[in-house]
Amino acid sequence: MDGENVTTVAGPSTTSLMRRNLPTPLFPTSSVVGTLEDSKYWRHRLSISQQAYDDSEPKVLAQWLSDRCKWVQWYIFWIAVLIIILTIVFAFFQFVSIMLVYYPSHPIKSERR
């Protein structure tokens, strides 16, 4: 079992075999990496980069539409857009239905002398 290919092994021992034979991940989780304060050499530059990234805001409409950094604001924006569109559509349908009911029962009278 030690020399077998990982893709040919099936069963409950597959995950343990993969953990044993595969190298460590290329991008480990943040708990393995540590915090910014743990960095000896790049702490100052990383803090400047992180601050610039955190302070940046989208500048054009295309950036606003695809910005997912602040996902709560992104979803609130799209929910608000959906509500506005639905309000306009329903207002238009209400206007048309009122006109279809009102004008046949009240003909327009032209006053000619």
N, C-alpha and C. Protein backbone atom coordinates (compact mmCIF):
# COMPACT_ATOMS: atom_id res chain seq x y z
N MET A 1 0.82 -1.19 0.00
CA MET A 1 0.00 0.00 0.00
C MET A 1 0.86 1.26 0.00
N ASP A 2 2.12 1.15 0.43
CA ASP A 2 2.97 2.33 0.49
C ASP A 2 3.35 2.83 -0.89
N GLY A 3 3.51 1.96 -1.88
CA GLY A 3 3.95 2.39 -3.20
C GLY A 3 2.83 2.60 -4.18
N GLU A 4 1.58 2.39 -3.78
CA GLU A 4 0.47 2.50 -4.70
C GLU A 4 0.16 3.95 -5.02
N ASN A 5 -0.44 4.14 -6.19
CA ASN A 5 -0.88 5.47 -6.60
C ASN A 5 -2.12 5.85 -5.80
N VAL A 6 -2.24 7.10 -5.43
CA VAL A 6 -3.35 7.56 -4.60
C VAL A 6 -4.67 7.43 -5.34
N THR A 7 -4.68 7.61 -6.66
CA THR A 7 -5.93 7.55 -7.40
C THR A 7 -6.47 6.14 -7.54
N THR A 8 -5.64 5.11 -7.39
CA THR A 8 -6.11 3.74 -7.53
C THR A 8 -6.65 3.18 -6.22
N VAL A 9 -6.39 3.82 -5.12
CA VAL A 9 -6.83 3.32 -3.82
C VAL A 9 -8.24 3.84 -3.55
N ALA A 10 -9.13 2.94 -3.15
CA ALA A 10 -10.50 3.35 -2.81
C ALA A 10 -10.84 2.77 -1.46
N GLY A 11 -11.60 3.53 -0.71
CA GLY A 11 -12.02 3.04 0.58
C GLY A 11 -11.76 4.05 1.67
N PRO A 12 -12.00 3.66 2.92
CA PRO A 12 -11.87 4.60 4.03
C PRO A 12 -10.44 5.03 4.30
N SER A 13 -9.46 4.27 3.84
CA SER A 13 -8.08 4.63 4.14
C SER A 13 -7.49 5.60 3.11
N THR A 14 -8.30 6.07 2.15
CA THR A 14 -7.78 6.95 1.11
C THR A 14 -7.29 8.27 1.69
N THR A 15 -8.05 8.87 2.58
CA THR A 15 -7.63 10.16 3.12
C THR A 15 -6.37 10.03 3.95
N SER A 16 -6.27 8.94 4.72
CA SER A 16 -5.04 8.79 5.50
C SER A 16 -3.84 8.53 4.60
N LEU A 17 -4.04 7.81 3.50
CA LEU A 17 -2.95 7.58 2.55
C LEU A 17 -2.53 8.88 1.89
N MET A 18 -3.52 9.72 1.54
CA MET A 18 -3.19 10.99 0.92
C MET A 18 -2.44 11.89 1.89
N ARG A 19 -2.83 11.89 3.15
CA ARG A 19 -2.13 12.71 4.13
C ARG A 19 -0.70 12.24 4.33
N ARG A 20 -0.48 10.95 4.23
CA ARG A 20 0.86 10.41 4.43
C ARG A 20 1.79 10.68 3.25
N ASN A 21 1.27 10.53 2.02
CA ASN A 21 2.12 10.54 0.84
C ASN A 21 2.27 11.89 0.17
N LEU A 22 1.28 12.78 0.31
CA LEU A 22 1.35 14.06 -0.38
C LEU A 22 2.18 15.06 0.41
N PRO A 23 2.89 15.94 -0.30
CA PRO A 23 3.67 16.95 0.41
C PRO A 23 2.75 17.98 1.06
N THR A 24 3.34 18.85 1.84
CA THR A 24 2.56 19.90 2.50
C THR A 24 1.97 20.82 1.45
N PRO A 25 0.83 21.44 1.72
CA PRO A 25 0.19 22.30 0.71
C PRO A 25 1.04 23.52 0.38
N LEU A 26 0.87 23.98 -0.85
CA LEU A 26 1.63 25.14 -1.31
C LEU A 26 1.25 26.39 -0.53
N PHE A 27 -0.04 26.57 -0.27
CA PHE A 27 -0.52 27.71 0.49
C PHE A 27 -1.17 27.20 1.77
N PRO A 28 -0.44 27.12 2.84
CA PRO A 28 -1.01 26.58 4.08
C PRO A 28 -2.05 27.53 4.66
N THR A 29 -2.83 27.03 5.59
CA THR A 29 -3.86 27.86 6.20
C THR A 29 -3.22 28.94 7.07
N SER A 30 -4.03 29.93 7.42
CA SER A 30 -3.50 31.07 8.16
C SER A 30 -3.02 30.68 9.55
N SER A 31 -3.57 29.61 10.13
CA SER A 31 -3.11 29.22 11.46
C SER A 31 -1.68 28.69 11.42
N VAL A 32 -1.27 28.14 10.28
CA VAL A 32 0.10 27.65 10.14
C VAL A 32 1.05 28.81 9.90
N VAL A 33 0.61 29.79 9.12
CA VAL A 33 1.46 30.91 8.76
C VAL A 33 1.70 31.83 9.95
N GLY A 34 0.68 32.10 10.71
CA GLY A 34 0.82 33.00 11.84
C GLY A 34 0.25 34.37 11.51
N THR A 35 0.57 35.33 12.35
CA THR A 35 0.05 36.67 12.16
C THR A 35 1.13 37.58 11.60
N LEU A 36 0.74 38.81 11.33
CA LEU A 36 1.68 39.78 10.78
C LEU A 36 2.78 40.11 11.79
N GLU A 37 2.47 40.07 13.06
CA GLU A 37 3.46 40.38 14.09
C GLU A 37 4.54 39.30 14.20
N ASP A 38 4.24 38.07 13.73
CA ASP A 38 5.22 36.99 13.78
C ASP A 38 6.30 37.11 12.71
N SER A 39 6.05 37.93 11.70
CA SER A 39 7.00 38.07 10.61
C SER A 39 8.21 38.90 11.06
N LYS A 40 9.40 38.35 10.84
CA LYS A 40 10.60 39.06 11.27
C LYS A 40 11.07 40.08 10.24
N TYR A 41 11.08 39.70 8.98
CA TYR A 41 11.75 40.50 7.97
C TYR A 41 10.82 41.42 7.19
N TRP A 42 9.58 41.02 6.96
CA TRP A 42 8.72 41.77 6.07
C TRP A 42 7.55 42.44 6.80
N ARG A 43 7.59 42.52 8.09
CA ARG A 43 6.46 43.04 8.87
C ARG A 43 6.07 44.44 8.43
N HIS A 44 7.02 45.34 8.32
CA HIS A 44 6.71 46.74 7.99
C HIS A 44 6.11 46.84 6.58
N ARG A 45 6.74 46.19 5.63
CA ARG A 45 6.25 46.27 4.25
C ARG A 45 4.90 45.57 4.09
N LEU A 46 4.72 44.46 4.76
CA LEU A 46 3.44 43.77 4.69
C LEU A 46 2.33 44.59 5.34
N SER A 47 2.64 45.29 6.42
CA SER A 47 1.62 46.12 7.06
C SER A 47 1.23 47.28 6.17
N ILE A 48 2.19 47.86 5.45
CA ILE A 48 1.88 48.95 4.51
C ILE A 48 1.00 48.43 3.39
N SER A 49 1.34 47.25 2.84
CA SER A 49 0.54 46.66 1.76
C SER A 49 -0.87 46.31 2.24
N GLN A 50 -0.97 45.75 3.44
CA GLN A 50 -2.28 45.40 3.97
C GLN A 50 -3.12 46.64 4.21
N GLN A 51 -2.53 47.71 4.72
CA GLN A 51 -3.26 48.94 4.96
C GLN A 51 -3.74 49.56 3.65
N ALA A 52 -2.89 49.54 2.61
CA ALA A 52 -3.28 50.08 1.31
C ALA A 52 -4.42 49.26 0.71
N TYR A 53 -4.36 47.95 0.86
CA TYR A 53 -5.42 47.08 0.34
C TYR A 53 -6.73 47.31 1.10
N ASP A 54 -6.66 47.42 2.41
CA ASP A 54 -7.86 47.62 3.22
C ASP A 54 -8.51 48.98 2.97
N ASP A 55 -7.70 50.00 2.67
CA ASP A 55 -8.23 51.34 2.47
C ASP A 55 -8.72 51.59 1.05
N SER A 56 -8.41 50.71 0.13
CA SER A 56 -8.77 50.95 -1.27
C SER A 56 -10.26 50.74 -1.48
N GLU A 57 -10.84 51.55 -2.33
CA GLU A 57 -12.25 51.48 -2.68
C GLU A 57 -12.35 51.43 -4.21
N PRO A 58 -13.38 50.80 -4.75
CA PRO A 58 -13.57 50.80 -6.20
C PRO A 58 -13.80 52.21 -6.71
N LYS A 59 -13.27 52.50 -7.90
CA LYS A 59 -13.35 53.85 -8.43
C LYS A 59 -14.30 53.98 -9.63
N VAL A 60 -14.46 52.94 -10.42
CA VAL A 60 -15.34 53.00 -11.58
C VAL A 60 -16.47 51.99 -11.38
N LEU A 61 -17.50 52.11 -12.22
CA LEU A 61 -18.69 51.27 -12.08
C LEU A 61 -18.36 49.78 -12.22
N ALA A 62 -17.48 49.44 -13.15
CA ALA A 62 -17.13 48.03 -13.34
C ALA A 62 -16.47 47.44 -12.09
N GLN A 63 -15.68 48.24 -11.40
CA GLN A 63 -15.06 47.76 -10.16
C GLN A 63 -16.11 47.61 -9.05
N TRP A 64 -17.08 48.52 -8.99
CA TRP A 64 -18.15 48.41 -7.99
C TRP A 64 -18.98 47.16 -8.22
N LEU A 65 -19.24 46.83 -9.49
CA LEU A 65 -20.08 45.68 -9.79
C LEU A 65 -19.39 44.36 -9.47
N SER A 66 -18.07 44.33 -9.58
CA SER A 66 -17.36 43.06 -9.36
C SER A 66 -16.59 43.03 -8.04
N ASP A 67 -16.73 44.04 -7.21
CA ASP A 67 -16.00 44.09 -5.94
C ASP A 67 -16.61 43.14 -4.94
N ARG A 68 -15.83 42.15 -4.51
CA ARG A 68 -16.33 41.19 -3.53
C ARG A 68 -15.53 41.24 -2.24
N CYS A 69 -14.72 42.28 -2.05
CA CYS A 69 -13.93 42.38 -0.82
C CYS A 69 -14.84 42.55 0.39
N LYS A 70 -15.81 43.40 0.26
CA LYS A 70 -16.77 43.62 1.34
C LYS A 70 -18.09 43.01 0.88
N TRP A 71 -18.22 41.70 1.08
CA TRP A 71 -19.33 40.95 0.50
C TRP A 71 -20.68 41.36 1.05
N VAL A 72 -20.73 41.84 2.28
CA VAL A 72 -22.02 42.26 2.83
C VAL A 72 -22.53 43.49 2.07
N GLN A 73 -21.65 44.45 1.84
CA GLN A 73 -22.04 45.63 1.08
C GLN A 73 -22.42 45.25 -0.35
N TRP A 74 -21.73 44.28 -0.94
CA TRP A 74 -22.00 43.84 -2.30
C TRP A 74 -23.41 43.27 -2.39
N TYR A 75 -23.78 42.39 -1.46
CA TYR A 75 -25.11 41.80 -1.48
C TYR A 75 -26.19 42.83 -1.17
N ILE A 76 -25.94 43.74 -0.25
CA ILE A 76 -26.91 44.79 0.05
C ILE A 76 -27.13 45.68 -1.17
N PHE A 77 -26.06 46.00 -1.88
CA PHE A 77 -26.18 46.80 -3.10
C PHE A 77 -27.06 46.11 -4.13
N TRP A 78 -26.82 44.82 -4.38
CA TRP A 78 -27.59 44.11 -5.40
C TRP A 78 -29.04 43.88 -4.96
N ILE A 79 -29.29 43.71 -3.67
CA ILE A 79 -30.66 43.60 -3.19
C ILE A 79 -31.39 44.92 -3.38
N ALA A 80 -30.71 46.03 -3.11
CA ALA A 80 -31.32 47.35 -3.32
C ALA A 80 -31.61 47.59 -4.79
N VAL A 81 -30.70 47.20 -5.68
CA VAL A 81 -30.93 47.35 -7.12
C VAL A 81 -32.13 46.51 -7.55
N LEU A 82 -32.22 45.29 -7.04
CA LEU A 82 -33.36 44.42 -7.37
C LEU A 82 -34.68 45.03 -6.89
N ILE A 83 -34.69 45.58 -5.69
CA ILE A 83 -35.91 46.20 -5.16
C ILE A 83 -36.31 47.40 -5.99
N ILE A 84 -35.35 48.21 -6.41
CA ILE A 84 -35.66 49.38 -7.25
C ILE A 84 -36.24 48.95 -8.58
N ILE A 85 -35.63 47.94 -9.21
CA ILE A 85 -36.13 47.46 -10.50
C ILE A 85 -37.53 46.89 -10.36
N LEU A 86 -37.78 46.09 -9.32
CA LEU A 86 -39.11 45.53 -9.12
C LEU A 86 -40.14 46.62 -8.84
N THR A 87 -39.75 47.65 -8.11
CA THR A 87 -40.66 48.76 -7.83
C THR A 87 -41.06 49.47 -9.12
N ILE A 88 -40.10 49.71 -10.00
CA ILE A 88 -40.39 50.37 -11.27
C ILE A 88 -41.28 49.50 -12.15
N VAL A 89 -40.99 48.21 -12.21
CA VAL A 89 -41.79 47.30 -13.03
C VAL A 89 -43.22 47.22 -12.51
N PHE A 90 -43.40 47.05 -11.21
CA PHE A 90 -44.75 46.95 -10.67
C PHE A 90 -45.51 48.27 -10.78
N ALA A 91 -44.82 49.39 -10.64
CA ALA A 91 -45.48 50.69 -10.82
C ALA A 91 -45.96 50.86 -12.26
N PHE A 92 -45.15 50.41 -13.21
CA PHE A 92 -45.56 50.49 -14.61
C PHE A 92 -46.78 49.62 -14.88
N PHE A 93 -46.78 48.39 -14.36
CA PHE A 93 -47.93 47.50 -14.56
C PHE A 93 -49.18 48.05 -13.87
N GLN A 94 -49.02 48.66 -12.72
CA GLN A 94 -50.16 49.25 -12.04
C GLN A 94 -50.72 50.42 -12.84
N PHE A 95 -49.84 51.25 -13.39
CA PHE A 95 -50.28 52.38 -14.21
C PHE A 95 -51.04 51.89 -15.43
N VAL A 96 -50.51 50.88 -16.11
CA VAL A 96 -51.17 50.36 -17.30
C VAL A 96 -52.52 49.75 -16.95
N SER A 97 -52.60 49.01 -15.86
CA SER A 97 -53.89 48.41 -15.49
C SER A 97 -54.91 49.47 -15.10
N ILE A 98 -54.49 50.52 -14.44
CA ILE A 98 -55.42 51.61 -14.11
C ILE A 98 -55.92 52.29 -15.37
N MET A 99 -55.05 52.51 -16.32
CA MET A 99 -55.45 53.15 -17.57
C MET A 99 -56.41 52.25 -18.36
N LEU A 100 -56.18 50.94 -18.31
CA LEU A 100 -57.08 50.02 -19.02
C LEU A 100 -58.46 49.96 -18.39
N VAL A 101 -58.56 50.20 -17.10
CA VAL A 101 -59.85 50.19 -16.42
C VAL A 101 -60.53 51.56 -16.50
N TYR A 102 -59.78 52.62 -16.35
CA TYR A 102 -60.36 53.96 -16.23
C TYR A 102 -60.84 54.51 -17.58
N TYR A 103 -60.00 54.47 -18.61
CA TYR A 103 -60.35 55.15 -19.85
C TYR A 103 -61.53 54.52 -20.60
N PRO A 104 -61.74 53.22 -20.61
CA PRO A 104 -62.96 52.73 -21.28
C PRO A 104 -64.25 53.18 -20.59
N SER A 105 -64.21 53.39 -19.28
CA SER A 105 -65.43 53.81 -18.58
C SER A 105 -65.59 55.33 -18.55
N HIS A 106 -64.57 56.08 -18.88
CA HIS A 106 -64.64 57.55 -18.91
C HIS A 106 -64.08 58.05 -20.24
N PRO A 107 -64.94 58.14 -21.24
CA PRO A 107 -64.43 58.60 -22.54
C PRO A 107 -64.02 60.08 -22.47
N ILE A 108 -63.08 60.40 -23.28
CA ILE A 108 -62.59 61.78 -23.33
C ILE A 108 -63.59 62.62 -24.14
N LYS A 109 -64.06 63.70 -23.52
CA LYS A 109 -65.02 64.58 -24.19
C LYS A 109 -64.29 65.81 -24.64
N SER A 110 -64.40 66.07 -25.90
CA SER A 110 -63.80 67.29 -26.42
C SER A 110 -64.87 68.39 -26.43
N GLU A 111 -64.50 69.55 -25.99
CA GLU A 111 -65.44 70.65 -25.94
C GLU A 111 -65.20 71.53 -27.16
N ARG A 112 -66.14 71.49 -28.08
CA ARG A 112 -66.06 72.34 -29.26
C ARG A 112 -67.23 73.33 -29.21
N ARG A 113 -66.99 74.53 -29.56
CA ARG A 113 -68.03 75.54 -29.53
C ARG A 113 -68.59 75.81 -30.87
